[in-house]
Amino acid sequence: MTEINPITKLNEFSKYEIPKSRMTVGLQNKYRFPNDYGASLIYAPGSYGLELAVLDFSVNPEGDLEYGTPITDDVLGNLSWEEAVKTLDKIKGLPSKGAEDE
């Protein structure tokens, strides 16, 4: 099995990253994929380690927390970088919100 470099892999998602104001401490990135799903990735004091939440951009351009996907029904905490990258891949692969209505 080939190991992935999570930082290199995470950089592959930079084209989906939403520009944001800089945090003074920690990491916070938001991603929006063409399927109108995305993610908030946080690693900061007060977070559950490396934390990822699925976002839905189909109604709100800022993204709403989404708990109704096959990926999770809650925020995912204490992830490894590898787990975060794999979860971002899964979110990117979800069918678009419009496809569910058809």
N, C-alpha and C. Protein backbone atom coordinates (compact mmCIF):
# COMPACT_ATOMS: atom_id res chain seq x y z
N MET A 1 0.85 -1.19 0.00
CA MET A 1 0.00 0.00 0.00
C MET A 1 0.88 1.24 0.00
N THR A 2 0.59 2.17 -0.86
CA THR A 2 1.36 3.40 -0.97
C THR A 2 0.92 4.39 0.09
N GLU A 3 1.89 4.93 0.82
CA GLU A 3 1.58 5.94 1.83
C GLU A 3 1.42 7.29 1.15
N ILE A 4 0.51 8.10 1.67
CA ILE A 4 0.35 9.44 1.12
C ILE A 4 0.99 10.44 2.07
N ASN A 5 1.51 11.49 1.50
CA ASN A 5 1.99 12.60 2.30
C ASN A 5 0.79 13.52 2.51
N PRO A 6 0.25 13.58 3.71
CA PRO A 6 -1.00 14.33 3.91
C PRO A 6 -0.89 15.81 3.62
N ILE A 7 0.27 16.41 3.87
CA ILE A 7 0.41 17.84 3.60
C ILE A 7 0.41 18.08 2.10
N THR A 8 1.12 17.26 1.34
CA THR A 8 1.10 17.38 -0.12
C THR A 8 -0.31 17.16 -0.64
N LYS A 9 -0.98 16.13 -0.14
CA LYS A 9 -2.34 15.82 -0.57
C LYS A 9 -3.29 16.96 -0.20
N LEU A 10 -3.13 17.53 0.99
CA LEU A 10 -3.97 18.64 1.42
C LEU A 10 -3.78 19.83 0.48
N ASN A 11 -2.57 20.04 0.01
CA ASN A 11 -2.31 21.14 -0.92
C ASN A 11 -3.06 20.95 -2.23
N GLU A 12 -3.38 19.71 -2.60
CA GLU A 12 -4.15 19.47 -3.82
C GLU A 12 -5.56 20.05 -3.72
N PHE A 13 -6.04 20.27 -2.51
CA PHE A 13 -7.37 20.84 -2.29
C PHE A 13 -7.36 22.37 -2.29
N SER A 14 -6.19 22.99 -2.42
CA SER A 14 -6.09 24.45 -2.30
C SER A 14 -6.95 25.18 -3.33
N LYS A 15 -7.19 24.57 -4.51
CA LYS A 15 -8.02 25.25 -5.51
C LYS A 15 -9.48 25.33 -5.07
N TYR A 16 -9.86 24.54 -4.08
CA TYR A 16 -11.23 24.57 -3.56
C TYR A 16 -11.34 25.40 -2.28
N GLU A 17 -10.21 25.92 -1.80
CA GLU A 17 -10.20 26.64 -0.53
C GLU A 17 -10.86 27.99 -0.69
N ILE A 18 -11.65 28.36 0.30
CA ILE A 18 -12.34 29.65 0.32
C ILE A 18 -11.44 30.64 1.05
N PRO A 19 -11.13 31.77 0.42
CA PRO A 19 -10.30 32.77 1.12
C PRO A 19 -10.99 33.21 2.41
N LYS A 20 -10.19 33.41 3.43
CA LYS A 20 -10.75 33.77 4.72
C LYS A 20 -9.83 34.73 5.44
N SER A 21 -10.32 35.29 6.54
CA SER A 21 -9.46 36.10 7.36
C SER A 21 -8.54 35.16 8.15
N ARG A 22 -7.38 35.62 8.40
CA ARG A 22 -6.36 34.78 9.04
C ARG A 22 -6.65 34.63 10.54
N MET A 23 -6.52 33.39 11.02
CA MET A 23 -6.64 33.15 12.46
C MET A 23 -5.32 33.52 13.12
N THR A 24 -5.39 34.01 14.35
CA THR A 24 -4.15 34.36 15.04
C THR A 24 -3.47 33.11 15.60
N VAL A 25 -4.25 32.11 15.97
CA VAL A 25 -3.69 30.87 16.50
C VAL A 25 -4.41 29.70 15.85
N GLY A 26 -3.67 28.75 15.33
CA GLY A 26 -4.28 27.55 14.78
C GLY A 26 -4.54 27.64 13.29
N LEU A 27 -5.25 26.63 12.80
CA LEU A 27 -5.56 26.49 11.39
C LEU A 27 -7.06 26.41 11.21
N GLN A 28 -7.58 27.16 10.25
CA GLN A 28 -8.97 27.00 9.86
C GLN A 28 -9.05 27.19 8.35
N ASN A 29 -9.45 26.16 7.65
CA ASN A 29 -9.64 26.21 6.21
C ASN A 29 -11.06 25.78 5.90
N LYS A 30 -11.67 26.47 4.95
CA LYS A 30 -12.97 26.05 4.43
C LYS A 30 -12.80 25.72 2.96
N TYR A 31 -13.44 24.65 2.54
CA TYR A 31 -13.37 24.19 1.16
C TYR A 31 -14.77 24.10 0.58
N ARG A 32 -14.88 24.44 -0.70
CA ARG A 32 -16.15 24.29 -1.42
C ARG A 32 -15.87 23.54 -2.71
N PHE A 33 -16.57 22.42 -2.90
CA PHE A 33 -16.38 21.59 -4.07
C PHE A 33 -17.48 21.85 -5.09
N PRO A 34 -17.28 21.47 -6.35
CA PRO A 34 -18.28 21.71 -7.39
C PRO A 34 -19.65 21.08 -7.11
N ASN A 35 -19.72 20.09 -6.21
CA ASN A 35 -20.99 19.43 -5.90
C ASN A 35 -21.82 20.19 -4.86
N ASP A 36 -21.40 21.39 -4.48
CA ASP A 36 -22.04 22.23 -3.46
C ASP A 36 -21.88 21.69 -2.04
N TYR A 37 -20.99 20.75 -1.85
CA TYR A 37 -20.59 20.33 -0.51
C TYR A 37 -19.19 20.89 -0.26
N GLY A 38 -18.82 20.91 0.98
CA GLY A 38 -17.50 21.37 1.34
C GLY A 38 -17.17 20.93 2.74
N ALA A 39 -16.16 21.56 3.31
CA ALA A 39 -15.73 21.18 4.65
C ALA A 39 -15.10 22.37 5.35
N SER A 40 -15.21 22.33 6.65
CA SER A 40 -14.46 23.22 7.52
C SER A 40 -13.45 22.36 8.25
N LEU A 41 -12.19 22.71 8.13
CA LEU A 41 -11.11 21.96 8.76
C LEU A 41 -10.46 22.88 9.78
N ILE A 42 -10.48 22.47 11.04
CA ILE A 42 -9.98 23.32 12.13
C ILE A 42 -8.98 22.54 12.98
N TYR A 43 -7.89 23.22 13.31
CA TYR A 43 -6.95 22.70 14.29
C TYR A 43 -6.49 23.90 15.10
N ALA A 44 -7.05 24.06 16.27
CA ALA A 44 -6.80 25.25 17.07
C ALA A 44 -7.09 24.95 18.55
N PRO A 45 -6.61 25.79 19.44
CA PRO A 45 -6.98 25.61 20.84
C PRO A 45 -8.50 25.61 20.98
N GLY A 46 -9.03 24.66 21.71
CA GLY A 46 -10.46 24.55 21.90
C GLY A 46 -11.15 23.61 20.93
N SER A 47 -10.44 23.18 19.88
CA SER A 47 -11.05 22.24 18.94
C SER A 47 -10.79 20.82 19.42
N TYR A 48 -11.49 19.88 18.83
CA TYR A 48 -11.30 18.47 19.15
C TYR A 48 -10.14 17.94 18.31
N GLY A 49 -8.94 18.39 18.61
CA GLY A 49 -7.79 18.03 17.80
C GLY A 49 -8.00 18.56 16.40
N LEU A 50 -7.63 17.78 15.40
CA LEU A 50 -7.92 18.14 14.01
C LEU A 50 -9.38 17.79 13.78
N GLU A 51 -10.19 18.80 13.48
CA GLU A 51 -11.65 18.67 13.45
C GLU A 51 -12.16 19.01 12.05
N LEU A 52 -13.10 18.21 11.56
CA LEU A 52 -13.67 18.43 10.23
C LEU A 52 -15.18 18.37 10.31
N ALA A 53 -15.83 19.35 9.69
CA ALA A 53 -17.29 19.37 9.58
C ALA A 53 -17.66 19.44 8.11
N VAL A 54 -18.68 18.70 7.71
CA VAL A 54 -19.19 18.75 6.35
C VAL A 54 -20.07 19.99 6.22
N LEU A 55 -19.91 20.70 5.11
CA LEU A 55 -20.70 21.91 4.85
C LEU A 55 -21.55 21.73 3.60
N ASP A 56 -22.70 22.39 3.60
CA ASP A 56 -23.62 22.40 2.45
C ASP A 56 -23.70 23.84 1.96
N PHE A 57 -23.33 24.07 0.70
CA PHE A 57 -23.35 25.40 0.11
C PHE A 57 -24.53 25.60 -0.84
N SER A 58 -25.46 24.66 -0.90
CA SER A 58 -26.54 24.74 -1.89
C SER A 58 -27.50 25.89 -1.64
N VAL A 59 -27.63 26.36 -0.42
CA VAL A 59 -28.54 27.46 -0.10
C VAL A 59 -27.77 28.69 0.38
N ASN A 60 -26.86 28.48 1.29
CA ASN A 60 -26.12 29.56 1.92
C ASN A 60 -24.71 29.62 1.34
N PRO A 61 -24.31 30.74 0.73
CA PRO A 61 -22.97 30.83 0.14
C PRO A 61 -21.85 30.75 1.17
N GLU A 62 -22.17 30.93 2.44
CA GLU A 62 -21.17 30.77 3.51
C GLU A 62 -21.03 29.32 3.94
N GLY A 63 -21.99 28.48 3.58
CA GLY A 63 -21.98 27.07 3.96
C GLY A 63 -22.67 26.84 5.29
N ASP A 64 -23.52 25.84 5.32
CA ASP A 64 -24.20 25.42 6.55
C ASP A 64 -23.67 24.06 6.96
N LEU A 65 -23.59 23.83 8.26
CA LEU A 65 -23.21 22.49 8.73
C LEU A 65 -24.20 21.47 8.19
N GLU A 66 -23.70 20.35 7.71
CA GLU A 66 -24.53 19.31 7.11
C GLU A 66 -24.30 18.00 7.87
N TYR A 67 -25.37 17.49 8.45
CA TYR A 67 -25.28 16.26 9.25
C TYR A 67 -25.96 15.08 8.57
N GLY A 68 -26.46 15.26 7.35
CA GLY A 68 -27.24 14.21 6.70
C GLY A 68 -26.53 13.55 5.52
N THR A 69 -25.23 13.37 5.60
CA THR A 69 -24.51 12.68 4.52
C THR A 69 -24.07 11.30 5.02
N PRO A 70 -23.72 10.43 4.10
CA PRO A 70 -23.20 9.12 4.53
C PRO A 70 -21.82 9.22 5.19
N ILE A 71 -21.21 10.38 5.15
CA ILE A 71 -19.88 10.55 5.72
C ILE A 71 -19.95 10.67 7.23
N THR A 72 -20.87 11.47 7.75
CA THR A 72 -20.99 11.64 9.19
C THR A 72 -22.29 12.35 9.54
N ASP A 73 -22.75 12.14 10.76
CA ASP A 73 -23.91 12.86 11.27
C ASP A 73 -23.49 13.83 12.37
N ASP A 74 -22.19 14.16 12.42
CA ASP A 74 -21.66 15.05 13.44
C ASP A 74 -20.33 15.62 12.95
N VAL A 75 -19.72 16.45 13.74
CA VAL A 75 -18.37 16.92 13.47
C VAL A 75 -17.41 15.78 13.78
N LEU A 76 -16.41 15.59 12.94
CA LEU A 76 -15.40 14.57 13.17
C LEU A 76 -14.21 15.20 13.89
N GLY A 77 -13.84 14.65 15.03
CA GLY A 77 -12.73 15.20 15.79
C GLY A 77 -11.60 14.22 15.97
N ASN A 78 -10.47 14.77 16.42
CA ASN A 78 -9.27 13.98 16.69
C ASN A 78 -8.83 13.15 15.49
N LEU A 79 -8.91 13.75 14.29
CA LEU A 79 -8.51 13.07 13.07
C LEU A 79 -7.00 13.15 12.88
N SER A 80 -6.45 12.18 12.20
CA SER A 80 -5.08 12.31 11.72
C SER A 80 -5.16 13.13 10.43
N TRP A 81 -4.02 13.63 9.98
CA TRP A 81 -4.02 14.37 8.72
C TRP A 81 -4.44 13.45 7.58
N GLU A 82 -4.04 12.21 7.63
CA GLU A 82 -4.42 11.25 6.59
C GLU A 82 -5.94 11.04 6.56
N GLU A 83 -6.55 10.92 7.75
CA GLU A 83 -8.01 10.76 7.82
C GLU A 83 -8.72 12.00 7.29
N ALA A 84 -8.18 13.18 7.58
CA ALA A 84 -8.79 14.42 7.10
C ALA A 84 -8.77 14.47 5.57
N VAL A 85 -7.64 14.11 4.98
CA VAL A 85 -7.51 14.11 3.52
C VAL A 85 -8.47 13.10 2.89
N LYS A 86 -8.57 11.91 3.48
CA LYS A 86 -9.48 10.90 2.94
C LYS A 86 -10.93 11.37 3.04
N THR A 87 -11.26 12.06 4.12
CA THR A 87 -12.63 12.57 4.30
C THR A 87 -12.92 13.68 3.29
N LEU A 88 -11.95 14.56 3.04
CA LEU A 88 -12.14 15.59 2.02
C LEU A 88 -12.40 14.95 0.66
N ASP A 89 -11.67 13.89 0.34
CA ASP A 89 -11.91 13.17 -0.92
C ASP A 89 -13.33 12.62 -0.99
N LYS A 90 -13.81 12.06 0.13
CA LYS A 90 -15.17 11.52 0.16
C LYS A 90 -16.22 12.62 -0.04
N ILE A 91 -15.99 13.77 0.60
CA ILE A 91 -16.93 14.89 0.47
C ILE A 91 -16.95 15.38 -0.98
N LYS A 92 -15.78 15.50 -1.57
CA LYS A 92 -15.67 15.94 -2.97
C LYS A 92 -16.39 14.97 -3.90
N GLY A 93 -16.45 13.69 -3.52
CA GLY A 93 -17.09 12.68 -4.36
C GLY A 93 -18.58 12.50 -4.14
N LEU A 94 -19.17 13.22 -3.20
CA LEU A 94 -20.62 13.11 -2.98
C LEU A 94 -21.37 13.59 -4.21
N PRO A 95 -22.54 13.00 -4.49
CA PRO A 95 -23.36 13.53 -5.59
C PRO A 95 -23.81 14.95 -5.27
N SER A 96 -23.94 15.77 -6.29
CA SER A 96 -24.35 17.16 -6.05
C SER A 96 -25.75 17.21 -5.46
N LYS A 97 -26.02 18.28 -4.74
CA LYS A 97 -27.34 18.45 -4.12
C LYS A 97 -28.43 18.42 -5.18
N GLY A 98 -28.20 18.99 -6.35
CA GLY A 98 -29.18 18.99 -7.43
C GLY A 98 -29.47 17.59 -7.93
N ALA A 99 -28.47 16.71 -7.93
CA ALA A 99 -28.65 15.33 -8.40
C ALA A 99 -29.57 14.54 -7.48
N GLU A 100 -29.62 14.91 -6.19
CA GLU A 100 -30.50 14.20 -5.24
C GLU A 100 -31.96 14.50 -5.53
N ASP A 101 -32.23 15.68 -6.09
CA ASP A 101 -33.62 16.10 -6.34
C ASP A 101 -34.18 15.51 -7.63
N GLU A 102 -33.32 14.96 -8.46
CA GLU A 102 -33.77 14.46 -9.77
C GLU A 102 -34.39 13.09 -9.66
